[in-house]
Amino acid sequence: MAKKSRRARSRQPGQPRPSTPAPPTSGEGSEDRGTAPQGEKKQVDFRAEYAYVLTDLRQMGFIALAMFAVLVALSFVIY
């Protein structure tokens, strides 16, 4: 069996690697994040925020029920 050969590298060995900036540590830049103080909590109305989820679940339920009814009807027709 022949030995697999490596592909030629795209960069030359003398060229430096591109560097990515390091993420800031916990001590640097934590003041300018714009976060709310711990004492103030915003109340969120989840019923209004996720109203579309309930309608989507209801629609999927009706589709599943209709598909199940079609399967039962086809079982009587075929058998």
N, C-alpha and C. Protein backbone atom coordinates (compact mmCIF):
# COMPACT_ATOMS: atom_id res chain seq x y z
N MET A 1 0.84 -1.16 0.00
CA MET A 1 0.00 0.00 0.00
C MET A 1 0.90 1.24 0.00
N ALA A 2 0.54 2.23 -0.82
CA ALA A 2 1.37 3.42 -0.95
C ALA A 2 1.15 4.36 0.24
N LYS A 3 2.20 5.08 0.57
CA LYS A 3 2.13 6.02 1.67
C LYS A 3 1.41 7.28 1.20
N LYS A 4 0.52 7.80 2.03
CA LYS A 4 -0.20 9.02 1.67
C LYS A 4 0.74 10.21 1.77
N SER A 5 0.66 11.06 0.79
CA SER A 5 1.52 12.25 0.81
C SER A 5 0.72 13.46 1.27
N ARG A 6 1.38 14.37 1.93
CA ARG A 6 0.73 15.58 2.41
C ARG A 6 0.64 16.59 1.28
N ARG A 7 -0.36 17.44 1.36
CA ARG A 7 -0.49 18.51 0.39
C ARG A 7 0.53 19.60 0.71
N ALA A 8 0.90 20.35 -0.31
CA ALA A 8 1.81 21.47 -0.09
C ALA A 8 1.10 22.55 0.71
N ARG A 9 1.79 23.15 1.66
CA ARG A 9 1.19 24.20 2.48
C ARG A 9 1.05 25.47 1.67
N SER A 10 0.04 26.26 1.99
CA SER A 10 -0.22 27.47 1.22
C SER A 10 0.71 28.60 1.62
N ARG A 11 1.19 28.62 2.86
CA ARG A 11 2.08 29.71 3.28
C ARG A 11 3.51 29.21 3.30
N GLN A 12 4.42 30.11 3.13
CA GLN A 12 5.83 29.77 3.14
C GLN A 12 6.30 29.60 4.58
N PRO A 13 7.32 28.78 4.85
CA PRO A 13 7.77 28.56 6.22
C PRO A 13 8.31 29.82 6.90
N GLY A 14 8.80 30.79 6.15
CA GLY A 14 9.36 31.99 6.74
C GLY A 14 8.31 33.03 7.11
N GLN A 15 7.08 32.89 6.64
CA GLN A 15 6.05 33.88 6.91
C GLN A 15 5.44 33.65 8.29
N PRO A 16 5.16 34.74 9.03
CA PRO A 16 4.54 34.57 10.35
C PRO A 16 3.06 34.21 10.20
N ARG A 17 2.56 33.52 11.19
CA ARG A 17 1.14 33.16 11.20
C ARG A 17 0.29 34.37 11.52
N PRO A 18 -0.91 34.47 10.92
CA PRO A 18 -1.79 35.58 11.29
C PRO A 18 -2.30 35.37 12.71
N SER A 19 -2.27 36.44 13.48
CA SER A 19 -2.68 36.31 14.88
C SER A 19 -4.08 36.88 15.07
N THR A 20 -4.80 36.30 16.02
CA THR A 20 -6.13 36.79 16.36
C THR A 20 -6.03 37.53 17.68
N PRO A 21 -6.83 38.58 17.86
CA PRO A 21 -6.77 39.31 19.13
C PRO A 21 -7.30 38.46 20.27
N ALA A 22 -6.64 38.54 21.41
CA ALA A 22 -7.04 37.77 22.58
C ALA A 22 -8.25 38.42 23.24
N PRO A 23 -9.17 37.63 23.77
CA PRO A 23 -10.32 38.22 24.46
C PRO A 23 -9.87 38.91 25.74
N PRO A 24 -10.57 39.98 26.14
CA PRO A 24 -10.17 40.69 27.35
C PRO A 24 -10.37 39.83 28.59
N THR A 25 -9.50 40.00 29.54
CA THR A 25 -9.64 39.25 30.79
C THR A 25 -10.72 39.89 31.63
N SER A 26 -11.04 39.29 32.76
CA SER A 26 -12.14 39.77 33.58
C SER A 26 -11.88 41.16 34.15
N GLY A 27 -10.64 41.55 34.31
CA GLY A 27 -10.33 42.85 34.89
C GLY A 27 -10.34 43.98 33.88
N GLU A 28 -10.18 43.65 32.61
CA GLU A 28 -10.09 44.69 31.60
C GLU A 28 -11.44 44.93 30.94
N GLY A 29 -11.84 46.18 30.86
CA GLY A 29 -13.01 46.57 30.10
C GLY A 29 -14.34 46.13 30.68
N SER A 30 -14.41 45.75 31.93
CA SER A 30 -15.68 45.29 32.48
C SER A 30 -16.59 46.46 32.83
N GLU A 31 -16.04 47.68 32.92
CA GLU A 31 -16.86 48.83 33.29
C GLU A 31 -17.68 49.34 32.13
N ASP A 32 -17.23 49.17 30.90
CA ASP A 32 -17.90 49.77 29.76
C ASP A 32 -18.81 48.80 29.02
N ARG A 33 -19.24 47.74 29.64
CA ARG A 33 -20.12 46.78 28.98
C ARG A 33 -21.56 47.27 28.89
N GLY A 34 -21.96 48.15 29.74
CA GLY A 34 -23.32 48.66 29.69
C GLY A 34 -24.34 47.74 30.35
N THR A 35 -23.93 46.94 31.29
CA THR A 35 -24.85 46.05 31.95
C THR A 35 -25.61 46.79 33.04
N ALA A 36 -26.80 46.32 33.33
CA ALA A 36 -27.62 46.93 34.36
C ALA A 36 -27.09 46.53 35.74
N PRO A 37 -27.28 47.37 36.73
CA PRO A 37 -26.87 47.00 38.08
C PRO A 37 -27.64 45.78 38.57
N GLN A 38 -27.08 45.08 39.53
CA GLN A 38 -27.68 43.84 40.01
C GLN A 38 -29.03 44.06 40.68
N GLY A 39 -29.25 45.19 41.29
CA GLY A 39 -30.49 45.44 42.02
C GLY A 39 -31.68 45.64 41.10
N GLU A 40 -31.47 46.14 39.89
CA GLU A 40 -32.57 46.41 38.98
C GLU A 40 -32.78 45.22 38.05
N LYS A 41 -33.97 44.61 38.14
CA LYS A 41 -34.31 43.51 37.26
C LYS A 41 -35.53 43.91 36.45
N LYS A 42 -35.44 43.68 35.16
CA LYS A 42 -36.51 44.04 34.27
C LYS A 42 -37.52 42.90 34.20
N GLN A 43 -38.79 43.20 34.36
CA GLN A 43 -39.83 42.20 34.27
C GLN A 43 -40.14 41.94 32.80
N VAL A 44 -40.18 40.68 32.42
CA VAL A 44 -40.45 40.30 31.05
C VAL A 44 -41.76 39.53 31.01
N ASP A 45 -42.64 39.93 30.11
CA ASP A 45 -43.90 39.23 29.92
C ASP A 45 -43.68 38.12 28.90
N PHE A 46 -43.42 36.91 29.41
CA PHE A 46 -43.10 35.80 28.52
C PHE A 46 -44.29 35.38 27.67
N ARG A 47 -45.50 35.59 28.16
CA ARG A 47 -46.68 35.24 27.38
C ARG A 47 -46.75 36.07 26.11
N ALA A 48 -46.41 37.35 26.21
CA ALA A 48 -46.43 38.21 25.03
C ALA A 48 -45.21 37.96 24.15
N GLU A 49 -44.05 37.67 24.77
CA GLU A 49 -42.84 37.44 24.00
C GLU A 49 -42.90 36.17 23.17
N TYR A 50 -43.52 35.12 23.70
CA TYR A 50 -43.54 33.83 23.04
C TYR A 50 -44.94 33.41 22.64
N ALA A 51 -45.77 34.35 22.24
CA ALA A 51 -47.13 34.03 21.81
C ALA A 51 -47.12 33.21 20.53
N TYR A 52 -46.16 33.44 19.68
CA TYR A 52 -46.08 32.70 18.42
C TYR A 52 -45.79 31.23 18.66
N VAL A 53 -45.15 30.89 19.77
CA VAL A 53 -44.83 29.48 20.04
C VAL A 53 -46.11 28.69 20.28
N LEU A 54 -47.04 29.27 21.00
CA LEU A 54 -48.30 28.58 21.27
C LEU A 54 -49.10 28.37 19.99
N THR A 55 -49.11 29.37 19.13
CA THR A 55 -49.84 29.20 17.87
C THR A 55 -49.15 28.16 16.98
N ASP A 56 -47.83 28.14 16.96
CA ASP A 56 -47.11 27.14 16.17
C ASP A 56 -47.35 25.73 16.70
N LEU A 57 -47.34 25.57 18.03
CA LEU A 57 -47.60 24.25 18.62
C LEU A 57 -49.02 23.78 18.31
N ARG A 58 -49.97 24.69 18.38
CA ARG A 58 -51.36 24.33 18.08
C ARG A 58 -51.48 23.91 16.61
N GLN A 59 -50.83 24.65 15.72
CA GLN A 59 -50.88 24.32 14.31
C GLN A 59 -50.22 22.96 14.03
N MET A 60 -49.10 22.69 14.67
CA MET A 60 -48.44 21.39 14.49
C MET A 60 -49.31 20.26 15.05
N GLY A 61 -50.02 20.52 16.12
CA GLY A 61 -50.92 19.51 16.68
C GLY A 61 -52.05 19.17 15.73
N PHE A 62 -52.63 20.19 15.11
CA PHE A 62 -53.71 19.95 14.14
C PHE A 62 -53.19 19.18 12.93
N ILE A 63 -52.00 19.51 12.48
CA ILE A 63 -51.43 18.80 11.33
C ILE A 63 -51.14 17.35 11.69
N ALA A 64 -50.60 17.11 12.88
CA ALA A 64 -50.32 15.73 13.31
C ALA A 64 -51.61 14.93 13.44
N LEU A 65 -52.65 15.56 13.99
CA LEU A 65 -53.94 14.88 14.13
C LEU A 65 -54.52 14.54 12.77
N ALA A 66 -54.42 15.47 11.82
CA ALA A 66 -54.93 15.22 10.47
C ALA A 66 -54.15 14.09 9.79
N MET A 67 -52.84 14.09 9.96
CA MET A 67 -52.04 13.03 9.35
C MET A 67 -52.35 11.67 9.96
N PHE A 68 -52.58 11.65 11.27
CA PHE A 68 -52.94 10.40 11.93
C PHE A 68 -54.30 9.90 11.44
N ALA A 69 -55.23 10.83 11.25
CA ALA A 69 -56.55 10.45 10.74
C ALA A 69 -56.44 9.89 9.32
N VAL A 70 -55.57 10.47 8.51
CA VAL A 70 -55.37 9.96 7.15
C VAL A 70 -54.77 8.56 7.20
N LEU A 71 -53.84 8.32 8.12
CA LEU A 71 -53.26 6.99 8.25
C LEU A 71 -54.32 5.95 8.66
N VAL A 72 -55.18 6.31 9.59
CA VAL A 72 -56.23 5.38 10.02
C VAL A 72 -57.19 5.11 8.87
N ALA A 73 -57.56 6.15 8.14
CA ALA A 73 -58.46 5.96 7.01
C ALA A 73 -57.82 5.10 5.92
N LEU A 74 -56.56 5.31 5.66
CA LEU A 74 -55.88 4.50 4.66
C LEU A 74 -55.74 3.05 5.11
N SER A 75 -55.59 2.83 6.40
CA SER A 75 -55.48 1.45 6.88
C SER A 75 -56.79 0.68 6.64
N PHE A 76 -57.92 1.38 6.78
CA PHE A 76 -59.19 0.71 6.50
C PHE A 76 -59.39 0.49 5.00
N VAL A 77 -58.94 1.43 4.19
CA VAL A 77 -59.10 1.29 2.74
C VAL A 77 -58.21 0.20 2.20
N ILE A 78 -56.96 0.16 2.64
CA ILE A 78 -56.01 -0.81 2.09
C ILE A 78 -56.28 -2.21 2.64
N TYR A 79 -56.61 -2.34 3.89
CA TYR A 79 -56.79 -3.65 4.49
C TYR A 79 -58.18 -4.11 4.23
